[in-house]
PDB file of all heavy atoms in Angstrom:
ATOM      1  N   THR A   1    -177.070  -6.326  40.237  1.00  0.00           N
ATOM      2  CA  THR A   1    -177.236  -5.307  39.160  1.00  0.00           C
ATOM      3  C   THR A   1    -176.789  -5.986  37.833  1.00  0.00           C
ATOM      4  O   THR A   1    -175.707  -6.508  37.715  1.00  0.00           O
ATOM      5  CB  THR A   1    -176.363  -4.080  39.399  1.00  0.00           C
ATOM      6  OG1 THR A   1    -176.711  -3.501  40.652  1.00  0.00           O
ATOM      7  CG2 THR A   1    -176.569  -3.040  38.263  1.00  0.00           C
ATOM      8  N   VAL A   2    -177.675  -5.992  36.849  1.00  0.00           N
ATOM      9  CA  VAL A   2    -177.462  -6.668  35.586  1.00  0.00           C
ATOM     10  C   VAL A   2    -176.247  -6.052  34.903  1.00  0.00           C
ATOM     11  O   VAL A   2    -176.130  -4.838  34.714  1.00  0.00           O
ATOM     12  CB  VAL A   2    -178.688  -6.644  34.716  1.00  0.00           C
ATOM     13  CG1 VAL A   2    -178.438  -7.244  33.356  1.00  0.00           C
ATOM     14  CG2 VAL A   2    -179.916  -7.314  35.443  1.00  0.00           C
ATOM     15  N   GLN A   3    -175.354  -6.933  34.394  1.00  0.00           N
ATOM     16  CA  GLN A   3    -174.169  -6.533  33.617  1.00  0.00           C
ATOM     17  C   GLN A   3    -174.333  -6.909  32.123  1.00  0.00           C
ATOM     18  O   GLN A   3    -175.148  -7.755  31.788  1.00  0.00           O
ATOM     19  CB  GLN A   3    -172.926  -7.202  34.173  1.00  0.00           C
ATOM     20  CG  GLN A   3    -172.730  -7.056  35.689  1.00  0.00           C
ATOM     21  CD  GLN A   3    -172.473  -5.637  36.074  1.00  0.00           C
ATOM     22  OE1 GLN A   3    -171.679  -4.950  35.435  1.00  0.00           O
ATOM     23  NE2 GLN A   3    -173.159  -5.184  37.142  1.00  0.00           N
ATOM     24  N   LYS A   4    -173.548  -6.365  31.279  1.00  0.00           N
ATOM     25  CA  LYS A   4    -173.553  -6.680  29.859  1.00  0.00           C
ATOM     26  C   LYS A   4    -173.247  -8.198  29.694  1.00  0.00           C
ATOM     27  O   LYS A   4    -172.329  -8.753  30.295  1.00  0.00           O
ATOM     28  CB  LYS A   4    -172.452  -5.904  29.096  1.00  0.00           C
ATOM     29  CG  LYS A   4    -172.505  -6.086  27.603  1.00  0.00           C
ATOM     30  CD  LYS A   4    -171.464  -5.203  26.914  1.00  0.00           C
ATOM     31  CE  LYS A   4    -171.492  -5.410  25.416  1.00  0.00           C
ATOM     32  NZ  LYS A   4    -170.494  -4.611  24.725  1.00  0.00           N
ATOM     33  N   GLY A   5    -174.064  -8.844  28.897  1.00  0.00           N
ATOM     34  CA  GLY A   5    -173.903 -10.252  28.643  1.00  0.00           C
ATOM     35  C   GLY A   5    -174.685 -11.188  29.542  1.00  0.00           C
ATOM     36  O   GLY A   5    -174.733 -12.372  29.366  1.00  0.00           O
ATOM     37  N   ASP A   6    -175.305 -10.631  30.600  1.00  0.00           N
ATOM     38  CA  ASP A   6    -176.071 -11.435  31.544  1.00  0.00           C
ATOM     39  C   ASP A   6    -177.412 -11.953  30.899  1.00  0.00           C
ATOM     40  O   ASP A   6    -177.948 -11.277  30.008  1.00  0.00           O
ATOM     41  CB  ASP A   6    -176.479 -10.619  32.807  1.00  0.00           C
ATOM     42  CG  ASP A   6    -175.357 -10.530  33.817  1.00  0.00           C
ATOM     43  OD1 ASP A   6    -174.505 -11.439  33.812  1.00  0.00           O
ATOM     44  OD2 ASP A   6    -175.332  -9.647  34.647  1.00  0.00           O
ATOM     45  N   THR A   7    -177.865 -13.065  31.338  1.00  0.00           N
ATOM     46  CA  THR A   7    -179.191 -13.565  31.097  1.00  0.00           C
ATOM     47  C   THR A   7    -179.820 -14.009  32.414  1.00  0.00           C
ATOM     48  O   THR A   7    -179.081 -14.190  33.403  1.00  0.00           O
ATOM     49  CB  THR A   7    -179.145 -14.762  30.115  1.00  0.00           C
ATOM     50  OG1 THR A   7    -178.482 -15.868  30.790  1.00  0.00           O
ATOM     51  CG2 THR A   7    -178.421 -14.439  28.845  1.00  0.00           C
ATOM     52  N   LEU A   8    -181.109 -14.133  32.434  1.00  0.00           N
ATOM     53  CA  LEU A   8    -181.749 -14.598  33.629  1.00  0.00           C
ATOM     54  C   LEU A   8    -181.247 -15.988  34.033  1.00  0.00           C
ATOM     55  O   LEU A   8    -181.080 -16.278  35.242  1.00  0.00           O
ATOM     56  CB  LEU A   8    -183.290 -14.664  33.410  1.00  0.00           C
ATOM     57  CG  LEU A   8    -184.098 -13.350  33.535  1.00  0.00           C
ATOM     58  CD1 LEU A   8    -185.543 -13.626  33.279  1.00  0.00           C
ATOM     59  CD2 LEU A   8    -183.871 -12.631  34.859  1.00  0.00           C
ATOM     60  N   TYR A   9    -180.932 -16.795  33.052  1.00  0.00           N
ATOM     61  CA  TYR A   9    -180.444 -18.150  33.295  1.00  0.00           C
ATOM     62  C   TYR A   9    -179.158 -18.081  34.090  1.00  0.00           C
ATOM     63  O   TYR A   9    -178.939 -18.764  35.082  1.00  0.00           O
ATOM     64  CB  TYR A   9    -180.339 -18.932  32.020  1.00  0.00           C
ATOM     65  CG  TYR A   9    -179.685 -20.293  32.163  1.00  0.00           C
ATOM     66  CD1 TYR A   9    -180.403 -21.374  32.683  1.00  0.00           C
ATOM     67  CD2 TYR A   9    -178.344 -20.451  31.858  1.00  0.00           C
ATOM     68  CE1 TYR A   9    -179.831 -22.593  32.845  1.00  0.00           C
ATOM     69  CE2 TYR A   9    -177.766 -21.719  32.017  1.00  0.00           C
ATOM     70  CZ  TYR A   9    -178.472 -22.767  32.510  1.00  0.00           C
ATOM     71  OH  TYR A   9    -177.892 -24.028  32.656  1.00  0.00           O
ATOM     72  N   LEU A  10    -178.214 -17.307  33.560  1.00  0.00           N
ATOM     73  CA  LEU A  10    -176.908 -17.203  34.156  1.00  0.00           C
ATOM     74  C   LEU A  10    -176.960 -16.601  35.590  1.00  0.00           C
ATOM     75  O   LEU A  10    -176.294 -17.116  36.515  1.00  0.00           O
ATOM     76  CB  LEU A  10    -175.936 -16.373  33.319  1.00  0.00           C
ATOM     77  CG  LEU A  10    -175.470 -16.975  32.003  1.00  0.00           C
ATOM     78  CD1 LEU A  10    -174.654 -15.981  31.225  1.00  0.00           C
ATOM     79  CD2 LEU A  10    -174.706 -18.239  32.237  1.00  0.00           C
ATOM     80  N   ILE A  11    -177.766 -15.550  35.770  1.00  0.00           N
ATOM     81  CA  ILE A  11    -177.920 -14.940  37.067  1.00  0.00           C
ATOM     82  C   ILE A  11    -178.556 -15.957  38.038  1.00  0.00           C
ATOM     83  O   ILE A  11    -178.124 -16.035  39.198  1.00  0.00           O
ATOM     84  CB  ILE A  11    -178.754 -13.637  36.966  1.00  0.00           C
ATOM     85  CG1 ILE A  11    -178.049 -12.623  36.072  1.00  0.00           C
ATOM     86  CG2 ILE A  11    -179.018 -13.087  38.363  1.00  0.00           C
ATOM     87  CD1 ILE A  11    -178.922 -11.438  35.743  1.00  0.00           C
ATOM     88  N   ALA A  12    -179.558 -16.695  37.607  1.00  0.00           N
ATOM     89  CA  ALA A  12    -180.188 -17.650  38.478  1.00  0.00           C
ATOM     90  C   ALA A  12    -179.196 -18.724  38.891  1.00  0.00           C
ATOM     91  O   ALA A  12    -179.124 -19.061  40.094  1.00  0.00           O
ATOM     92  CB  ALA A  12    -181.372 -18.281  37.731  1.00  0.00           C
ATOM     93  N   VAL A  13    -178.496 -19.249  37.936  1.00  0.00           N
ATOM     94  CA  VAL A  13    -177.524 -20.363  38.285  1.00  0.00           C
ATOM     95  C   VAL A  13    -176.446 -19.886  39.298  1.00  0.00           C
ATOM     96  O   VAL A  13    -176.178 -20.570  40.247  1.00  0.00           O
ATOM     97  CB  VAL A  13    -176.820 -20.830  37.001  1.00  0.00           C
ATOM     98  CG1 VAL A  13    -175.619 -21.736  37.311  1.00  0.00           C
ATOM     99  CG2 VAL A  13    -177.818 -21.587  36.115  1.00  0.00           C
ATOM    100  N   ARG A  14    -175.917 -18.656  39.076  1.00  0.00           N
ATOM    101  CA  ARG A  14    -174.874 -18.147  39.966  1.00  0.00           C
ATOM    102  C   ARG A  14    -175.381 -17.968  41.395  1.00  0.00           C
ATOM    103  O   ARG A  14    -174.604 -18.065  42.349  1.00  0.00           O
ATOM    104  CB  ARG A  14    -174.378 -16.758  39.491  1.00  0.00           C
ATOM    105  CG  ARG A  14    -173.528 -16.868  38.221  1.00  0.00           C
ATOM    106  CD  ARG A  14    -173.230 -15.422  37.741  1.00  0.00           C
ATOM    107  NE  ARG A  14    -172.704 -15.399  36.410  1.00  0.00           N
ATOM    108  CZ  ARG A  14    -172.928 -14.415  35.514  1.00  0.00           C
ATOM    109  NH1 ARG A  14    -173.717 -13.392  35.869  1.00  0.00           N
ATOM    110  NH2 ARG A  14    -172.401 -14.474  34.306  1.00  0.00           N
ATOM    111  N   ASN A  15    -176.693 -17.676  41.550  1.00  0.00           N
ATOM    112  CA  ASN A  15    -177.240 -17.414  42.843  1.00  0.00           C
ATOM    113  C   ASN A  15    -178.120 -18.492  43.389  1.00  0.00           C
ATOM    114  O   ASN A  15    -178.901 -18.316  44.311  1.00  0.00           O
ATOM    115  CB  ASN A  15    -177.998 -16.081  42.791  1.00  0.00           C
ATOM    116  CG  ASN A  15    -177.102 -14.921  42.542  1.00  0.00           C
ATOM    117  OD1 ASN A  15    -176.421 -14.435  43.422  1.00  0.00           O
ATOM    118  ND2 ASN A  15    -177.031 -14.426  41.300  1.00  0.00           N
ATOM    119  N   LYS A  16    -177.996 -19.712  42.796  1.00  0.00           N
ATOM    120  CA  LYS A  16    -178.678 -20.901  43.237  1.00  0.00           C
ATOM    121  C   LYS A  16    -180.194 -20.703  43.283  1.00  0.00           C
ATOM    122  O   LYS A  16    -180.891 -21.093  44.233  1.00  0.00           O
ATOM    123  CB  LYS A  16    -178.145 -21.340  44.618  1.00  0.00           C
ATOM    124  CG  LYS A  16    -176.685 -21.690  44.604  1.00  0.00           C
ATOM    125  CD  LYS A  16    -176.185 -22.115  45.949  1.00  0.00           C
ATOM    126  CE  LYS A  16    -174.693 -22.451  45.908  1.00  0.00           C
ATOM    127  NZ  LYS A  16    -174.209 -22.847  47.242  1.00  0.00           N
ATOM    128  N   LEU A  17    -180.691 -20.103  42.210  1.00  0.00           N
ATOM    129  CA  LEU A  17    -182.123 -19.935  42.002  1.00  0.00           C
ATOM    130  C   LEU A  17    -182.554 -20.539  40.687  1.00  0.00           C
ATOM    131  O   LEU A  17    -181.718 -20.831  39.827  1.00  0.00           O
ATOM    132  CB  LEU A  17    -182.476 -18.452  41.988  1.00  0.00           C
ATOM    133  CG  LEU A  17    -182.201 -17.609  43.229  1.00  0.00           C
ATOM    134  CD1 LEU A  17    -182.370 -16.146  42.967  1.00  0.00           C
ATOM    135  CD2 LEU A  17    -183.194 -18.035  44.381  1.00  0.00           C
ATOM    136  N   SER A  18    -183.825 -20.776  40.504  1.00  0.00           N
ATOM    137  CA  SER A  18    -184.342 -21.159  39.181  1.00  0.00           C
ATOM    138  C   SER A  18    -184.806 -19.857  38.469  1.00  0.00           C
ATOM    139  O   SER A  18    -185.003 -18.855  39.137  1.00  0.00           O
ATOM    140  CB  SER A  18    -185.530 -22.087  39.342  1.00  0.00           C
ATOM    141  OG  SER A  18    -186.600 -21.407  39.925  1.00  0.00           O
ATOM    142  N   VAL A  19    -184.888 -19.918  37.202  1.00  0.00           N
ATOM    143  CA  VAL A  19    -185.336 -18.778  36.389  1.00  0.00           C
ATOM    144  C   VAL A  19    -186.728 -18.396  36.880  1.00  0.00           C
ATOM    145  O   VAL A  19    -187.066 -17.187  37.044  1.00  0.00           O
ATOM    146  CB  VAL A  19    -185.335 -19.052  34.879  1.00  0.00           C
ATOM    147  CG1 VAL A  19    -185.997 -17.918  34.124  1.00  0.00           C
ATOM    148  CG2 VAL A  19    -183.904 -19.233  34.421  1.00  0.00           C
ATOM    149  N   ALA A  20    -187.581 -19.364  37.122  1.00  0.00           N
ATOM    150  CA  ALA A  20    -188.985 -19.090  37.593  1.00  0.00           C
ATOM    151  C   ALA A  20    -188.965 -18.342  38.924  1.00  0.00           C
ATOM    152  O   ALA A  20    -189.764 -17.382  39.139  1.00  0.00           O
ATOM    153  CB  ALA A  20    -189.717 -20.398  37.707  1.00  0.00           C
ATOM    154  N   GLN A  21    -188.112 -18.751  39.843  1.00  0.00           N
ATOM    155  CA  GLN A  21    -188.009 -18.051  41.095  1.00  0.00           C
ATOM    156  C   GLN A  21    -187.529 -16.591  40.967  1.00  0.00           C
ATOM    157  O   GLN A  21    -188.025 -15.684  41.575  1.00  0.00           O
ATOM    158  CB  GLN A  21    -187.102 -18.805  42.081  1.00  0.00           C
ATOM    159  CG  GLN A  21    -187.699 -20.134  42.545  1.00  0.00           C
ATOM    160  CD  GLN A  21    -186.680 -20.983  43.318  1.00  0.00           C
ATOM    161  OE1 GLN A  21    -185.462 -20.905  43.004  1.00  0.00           O
ATOM    162  NE2 GLN A  21    -187.138 -21.830  44.184  1.00  0.00           N
ATOM    163  N   LEU A  22    -186.540 -16.408  40.071  1.00  0.00           N
ATOM    164  CA  LEU A  22    -185.975 -15.071  39.875  1.00  0.00           C
ATOM    165  C   LEU A  22    -187.021 -14.193  39.255  1.00  0.00           C
ATOM    166  O   LEU A  22    -187.151 -13.023  39.636  1.00  0.00           O
ATOM    167  CB  LEU A  22    -184.757 -15.195  38.943  1.00  0.00           C
ATOM    168  CG  LEU A  22    -183.873 -14.017  38.835  1.00  0.00           C
ATOM    169  CD1 LEU A  22    -183.327 -13.560  40.177  1.00  0.00           C
ATOM    170  CD2 LEU A  22    -182.677 -14.291  37.898  1.00  0.00           C
ATOM    171  N   LYS A  23    -187.818 -14.685  38.343  1.00  0.00           N
ATOM    172  CA  LYS A  23    -188.900 -13.931  37.714  1.00  0.00           C
ATOM    173  C   LYS A  23    -190.003 -13.618  38.756  1.00  0.00           C
ATOM    174  O   LYS A  23    -190.507 -12.486  38.762  1.00  0.00           O
ATOM    175  CB  LYS A  23    -189.472 -14.671  36.542  1.00  0.00           C
ATOM    176  CG  LYS A  23    -188.493 -14.759  35.336  1.00  0.00           C
ATOM    177  CD  LYS A  23    -189.015 -15.672  34.214  1.00  0.00           C
ATOM    178  CE  LYS A  23    -190.095 -14.988  33.438  1.00  0.00           C
ATOM    179  NZ  LYS A  23    -190.500 -15.757  32.203  1.00  0.00           N
ATOM    180  N   SER A  24    -190.270 -14.553  39.595  1.00  0.00           N
ATOM    181  CA  SER A  24    -191.327 -14.346  40.614  1.00  0.00           C
ATOM    182  C   SER A  24    -190.900 -13.258  41.629  1.00  0.00           C
ATOM    183  O   SER A  24    -191.661 -12.425  41.989  1.00  0.00           O
ATOM    184  CB  SER A  24    -191.632 -15.661  41.351  1.00  0.00           C
ATOM    185  OG  SER A  24    -192.540 -15.484  42.398  1.00  0.00           O
ATOM    186  N   LEU A  25    -189.621 -13.340  42.040  1.00  0.00           N
ATOM    187  CA  LEU A  25    -189.107 -12.338  43.019  1.00  0.00           C
ATOM    188  C   LEU A  25    -189.144 -10.948  42.473  1.00  0.00           C
ATOM    189  O   LEU A  25    -189.292  -9.994  43.233  1.00  0.00           O
ATOM    190  CB  LEU A  25    -187.643 -12.693  43.376  1.00  0.00           C
ATOM    191  CG  LEU A  25    -187.403 -13.881  44.345  1.00  0.00           C
ATOM    192  CD1 LEU A  25    -185.941 -14.240  44.376  1.00  0.00           C
ATOM    193  CD2 LEU A  25    -187.928 -13.512  45.746  1.00  0.00           C
ATOM    194  N   ASN A  26    -188.997 -10.806  41.117  1.00  0.00           N
ATOM    195  CA  ASN A  26    -188.917  -9.481  40.516  1.00  0.00           C
ATOM    196  C   ASN A  26    -190.172  -9.124  39.651  1.00  0.00           C
ATOM    197  O   ASN A  26    -190.136  -8.196  38.945  1.00  0.00           O
ATOM    198  CB  ASN A  26    -187.650  -9.415  39.653  1.00  0.00           C
ATOM    199  CG  ASN A  26    -186.421  -9.475  40.521  1.00  0.00           C
ATOM    200  OD1 ASN A  26    -186.010  -8.518  41.093  1.00  0.00           O
ATOM    201  ND2 ASN A  26    -185.844 -10.667  40.689  1.00  0.00           N
ATOM    202  N   ASN A  27    -191.208  -9.931  39.759  1.00  0.00           N
ATOM    203  CA  ASN A  27    -192.427  -9.682  39.076  1.00  0.00           C
ATOM    204  C   ASN A  27    -192.201  -9.543  37.535  1.00  0.00           C
ATOM    205  O   ASN A  27    -192.781  -8.663  36.905  1.00  0.00           O
ATOM    206  CB  ASN A  27    -193.150  -8.429  39.600  1.00  0.00           C
ATOM    207  CG  ASN A  27    -193.520  -8.580  41.076  1.00  0.00           C
ATOM    208  OD1 ASN A  27    -194.050  -9.559  41.482  1.00  0.00           O
ATOM    209  ND2 ASN A  27    -193.237  -7.526  41.845  1.00  0.00           N
ATOM    210  N   LEU A  28    -191.344 -10.356  36.995  1.00  0.00           N
ATOM    211  CA  LEU A  28    -191.032 -10.339  35.588  1.00  0.00           C
ATOM    212  C   LEU A  28    -192.032 -11.252  34.835  1.00  0.00           C
ATOM    213  O   LEU A  28    -192.264 -12.359  35.227  1.00  0.00           O
ATOM    214  CB  LEU A  28    -189.595 -10.788  35.326  1.00  0.00           C
ATOM    215  CG  LEU A  28    -188.540  -9.955  36.042  1.00  0.00           C
ATOM    216  CD1 LEU A  28    -187.143 -10.556  35.709  1.00  0.00           C
ATOM    217  CD2 LEU A  28    -188.546  -8.511  35.553  1.00  0.00           C
ATOM    218  N   THR A  29    -192.509 -10.774  33.695  1.00  0.00           N
ATOM    219  CA  THR A  29    -193.415 -11.565  32.898  1.00  0.00           C
ATOM    220  C   THR A  29    -192.715 -12.066  31.629  1.00  0.00           C
ATOM    221  O   THR A  29    -193.252 -12.931  30.904  1.00  0.00           O
ATOM    222  CB  THR A  29    -194.603 -10.737  32.438  1.00  0.00           C
ATOM    223  OG1 THR A  29    -194.144  -9.564  31.740  1.00  0.00           O
ATOM    224  CG2 THR A  29    -195.449 -10.368  33.657  1.00  0.00           C
ATOM    225  N   THR A  30    -191.450 -11.611  31.382  1.00  0.00           N
ATOM    226  CA  THR A  30    -190.690 -12.132  30.225  1.00  0.00           C
ATOM    227  C   THR A  30    -189.220 -12.373  30.684  1.00  0.00           C
ATOM    228  O   THR A  30    -188.913 -12.033  31.844  1.00  0.00           O
ATOM    229  CB  THR A  30    -190.631 -11.106  29.053  1.00  0.00           C
ATOM    230  OG1 THR A  30    -189.841  -9.994  29.421  1.00  0.00           O
ATOM    231  CG2 THR A  30    -192.044 -10.639  28.714  1.00  0.00           C
ATOM    232  N   ASP A  31    -188.413 -12.889  29.786  1.00  0.00           N
ATOM    233  CA  ASP A  31    -186.987 -13.119  30.157  1.00  0.00           C
ATOM    234  C   ASP A  31    -186.135 -11.907  29.811  1.00  0.00           C
ATOM    235  O   ASP A  31    -184.884 -11.966  29.967  1.00  0.00           O
ATOM    236  CB  ASP A  31    -186.483 -14.367  29.385  1.00  0.00           C
ATOM    237  CG  ASP A  31    -187.075 -15.669  29.878  1.00  0.00           C
ATOM    238  OD1 ASP A  31    -187.755 -15.638  30.935  1.00  0.00           O
ATOM    239  OD2 ASP A  31    -186.900 -16.655  29.224  1.00  0.00           O
ATOM    240  N   THR A  32    -186.721 -10.846  29.403  1.00  0.00           N
ATOM    241  CA  THR A  32    -185.945  -9.634  29.010  1.00  0.00           C
ATOM    242  C   THR A  32    -185.460  -8.869  30.201  1.00  0.00           C
ATOM    243  O   THR A  32    -186.214  -8.602  31.135  1.00  0.00           O
ATOM    244  CB  THR A  32    -186.822  -8.723  28.096  1.00  0.00           C
ATOM    245  OG1 THR A  32    -187.295  -9.436  26.983  1.00  0.00           O
ATOM    246  CG2 THR A  32    -186.004  -7.504  27.624  1.00  0.00           C
ATOM    247  N   ILE A  33    -184.108  -8.611  30.234  1.00  0.00           N
ATOM    248  CA  ILE A  33    -183.544  -7.764  31.235  1.00  0.00           C
ATOM    249  C   ILE A  33    -182.623  -6.717  30.558  1.00  0.00           C
ATOM    250  O   ILE A  33    -182.278  -6.903  29.403  1.00  0.00           O
ATOM    251  CB  ILE A  33    -182.687  -8.602  32.267  1.00  0.00           C
ATOM    252  CG1 ILE A  33    -181.691  -9.483  31.553  1.00  0.00           C
ATOM    253  CG2 ILE A  33    -183.601  -9.411  33.147  1.00  0.00           C
ATOM    254  CD1 ILE A  33    -180.825 -10.251  32.487  1.00  0.00           C
ATOM    255  N   TYR A  34    -182.221  -5.696  31.269  1.00  0.00           N
ATOM    256  CA  TYR A  34    -181.396  -4.643  30.716  1.00  0.00           C
ATOM    257  C   TYR A  34    -180.228  -4.296  31.630  1.00  0.00           C
ATOM    258  O   TYR A  34    -180.317  -4.493  32.873  1.00  0.00           O
ATOM    259  CB  TYR A  34    -182.193  -3.400  30.403  1.00  0.00           C
ATOM    260  CG  TYR A  34    -182.938  -2.799  31.580  1.00  0.00           C
ATOM    261  CD1 TYR A  34    -182.271  -1.908  32.464  1.00  0.00           C
ATOM    262  CD2 TYR A  34    -184.259  -3.179  31.900  1.00  0.00           C
ATOM    263  CE1 TYR A  34    -182.965  -1.367  33.560  1.00  0.00           C
ATOM    264  CE2 TYR A  34    -184.913  -2.668  32.999  1.00  0.00           C
ATOM    265  CZ  TYR A  34    -184.248  -1.744  33.810  1.00  0.00           C
ATOM    266  OH  TYR A  34    -184.928  -1.231  34.922  1.00  0.00           O
ATOM    267  N   VAL A  35    -179.150  -3.825  31.030  1.00  0.00           N
ATOM    268  CA  VAL A  35    -177.946  -3.461  31.802  1.00  0.00           C
ATOM    269  C   VAL A  35    -178.287  -2.378  32.814  1.00  0.00           C
ATOM    270  O   VAL A  35    -178.944  -1.413  32.496  1.00  0.00           O
ATOM    271  CB  VAL A  35    -176.836  -3.003  30.881  1.00  0.00           C
ATOM    272  CG1 VAL A  35    -175.621  -2.489  31.651  1.00  0.00           C
ATOM    273  CG2 VAL A  35    -176.392  -4.152  29.946  1.00  0.00           C
ATOM    274  N   GLY A  36    -177.861  -2.587  34.078  1.00  0.00           N
ATOM    275  CA  GLY A  36    -178.173  -1.609  35.150  1.00  0.00           C
ATOM    276  C   GLY A  36    -179.382  -1.946  35.961  1.00  0.00           C
ATOM    277  O   GLY A  36    -179.570  -1.378  36.997  1.00  0.00           O
ATOM    278  N   GLN A  37    -180.185  -2.872  35.460  1.00  0.00           N
ATOM    279  CA  GLN A  37    -181.404  -3.318  36.149  1.00  0.00           C
ATOM    280  C   GLN A  37    -181.020  -3.980  37.479  1.00  0.00           C
ATOM    281  O   GLN A  37    -180.095  -4.787  37.501  1.00  0.00           O
ATOM    282  CB  GLN A  37    -182.211  -4.241  35.298  1.00  0.00           C
ATOM    283  CG  GLN A  37    -183.535  -4.691  35.948  1.00  0.00           C
ATOM    284  CD  GLN A  37    -184.308  -5.559  34.956  1.00  0.00           C
ATOM    285  OE1 GLN A  37    -183.868  -5.871  33.841  1.00  0.00           O
ATOM    286  NE2 GLN A  37    -185.531  -5.907  35.370  1.00  0.00           N
ATOM    287  N   VAL A  38    -181.687  -3.658  38.568  1.00  0.00           N
ATOM    288  CA  VAL A  38    -181.418  -4.230  39.862  1.00  0.00           C
ATOM    289  C   VAL A  38    -182.464  -5.329  40.157  1.00  0.00           C
ATOM    290  O   VAL A  38    -183.634  -5.059  40.148  1.00  0.00           O
ATOM    291  CB  VAL A  38    -181.469  -3.191  40.982  1.00  0.00           C
ATOM    292  CG1 VAL A  38    -181.212  -3.863  42.364  1.00  0.00           C
ATOM    293  CG2 VAL A  38    -180.384  -2.125  40.777  1.00  0.00           C
ATOM    294  N   LEU A  39    -182.003  -6.541  40.372  1.00  0.00           N
ATOM    295  CA  LEU A  39    -182.874  -7.706  40.590  1.00  0.00           C
ATOM    296  C   LEU A  39    -182.734  -8.175  42.029  1.00  0.00           C
ATOM    297  O   LEU A  39    -181.638  -8.227  42.604  1.00  0.00           O
ATOM    298  CB  LEU A  39    -182.467  -8.820  39.651  1.00  0.00           C
ATOM    299  CG  LEU A  39    -182.570  -8.599  38.128  1.00  0.00           C
ATOM    300  CD1 LEU A  39    -182.044  -9.822  37.371  1.00  0.00           C
ATOM    301  CD2 LEU A  39    -184.013  -8.247  37.700  1.00  0.00           C
ATOM    302  N   LYS A  40    -183.906  -8.485  42.612  1.00  0.00           N
ATOM    303  CA  LYS A  40    -183.917  -9.087  43.946  1.00  0.00           C
ATOM    304  C   LYS A  40    -183.480 -10.556  43.849  1.00  0.00           C
ATOM    305  O   LYS A  40    -183.861 -11.276  42.924  1.00  0.00           O
ATOM    306  CB  LYS A  40    -185.309  -9.040  44.556  1.00  0.00           C
ATOM    307  CG  LYS A  40    -185.831  -7.605  44.823  1.00  0.00           C
ATOM    308  CD  LYS A  40    -187.225  -7.732  45.440  1.00  0.00           C
ATOM    309  CE  LYS A  40    -187.781  -6.342  45.721  1.00  0.00           C
ATOM    310  NZ  LYS A  40    -189.197  -6.390  46.231  1.00  0.00           N
ATOM    311  N   LEU A  41    -182.670 -10.973  44.776  1.00  0.00           N
ATOM    312  CA  LEU A  41    -182.191 -12.379  44.849  1.00  0.00           C
ATOM    313  C   LEU A  41    -182.771 -13.092  46.056  1.00  0.00           C
ATOM    314  O   LEU A  41    -182.614 -14.345  46.180  1.00  0.00           O
ATOM    315  CB  LEU A  41    -180.669 -12.439  44.927  1.00  0.00           C
ATOM    316  CG  LEU A  41    -179.912 -11.757  43.756  1.00  0.00           C
ATOM    317  CD1 LEU A  41    -178.436 -11.890  43.965  1.00  0.00           C
ATOM    318  CD2 LEU A  41    -180.305 -12.370  42.431  1.00  0.00           C
ATOM    319  N   THR A  42    -183.419 -12.342  46.951  1.00  0.00           N
ATOM    320  CA  THR A  42    -184.011 -12.953  48.069  1.00  0.00           C
ATOM    321  C   THR A  42    -185.427 -12.334  48.318  1.00  0.00           C
ATOM    322  O   THR A  42    -185.714 -11.296  47.778  1.00  0.00           O
ATOM    323  CB  THR A  42    -183.180 -12.719  49.373  1.00  0.00           C
ATOM    324  OG1 THR A  42    -182.996 -11.308  49.549  1.00  0.00           O
ATOM    325  CG2 THR A  42    -181.850 -13.376  49.263  1.00  0.00           C
ATOM    326  N   THR A  43    -186.211 -13.035  49.105  1.00  0.00           N
ATOM    327  CA  THR A  43    -187.506 -12.501  49.486  1.00  0.00           C
ATOM    328  C   THR A  43    -187.366 -11.342  50.448  1.00  0.00           C
ATOM    329  O   THR A  43    -186.347 -11.253  51.163  1.00  0.00           O
ATOM    330  CB  THR A  43    -188.367 -13.570  50.132  1.00  0.00           C
ATOM    331  OG1 THR A  43    -187.750 -14.107  51.237  1.00  0.00           O
ATOM    332  CG2 THR A  43    -188.706 -14.681  49.123  1.00  0.00           C
ATOM    333  N   SER A  44    -188.295 -10.489  50.552  1.00  0.00           N
ATOM    334  CA  SER A  44    -188.262  -9.330  51.390  1.00  0.00           C
ATOM    335  C   SER A  44    -188.061  -9.694  52.852  1.00  0.00           C
ATOM    336  O   SER A  44    -188.739 -10.570  53.340  1.00  0.00           O
ATOM    337  CB  SER A  44    -189.535  -8.480  51.243  1.00  0.00           C
ATOM    338  OG  SER A  44    -189.537  -7.366  52.087  1.00  0.00           O
TER     339      SER A  44
END
């Protein structure tokens, strides 16, 4: 769950993912995220 101050880069690094993988997992087309957003960290 996205917290204040988070970026895709920081979330990706913490979870041993690349930004591209994180965007692909969550069908994101931009780097914009919002507080409270729930992001998938693994494949289904």
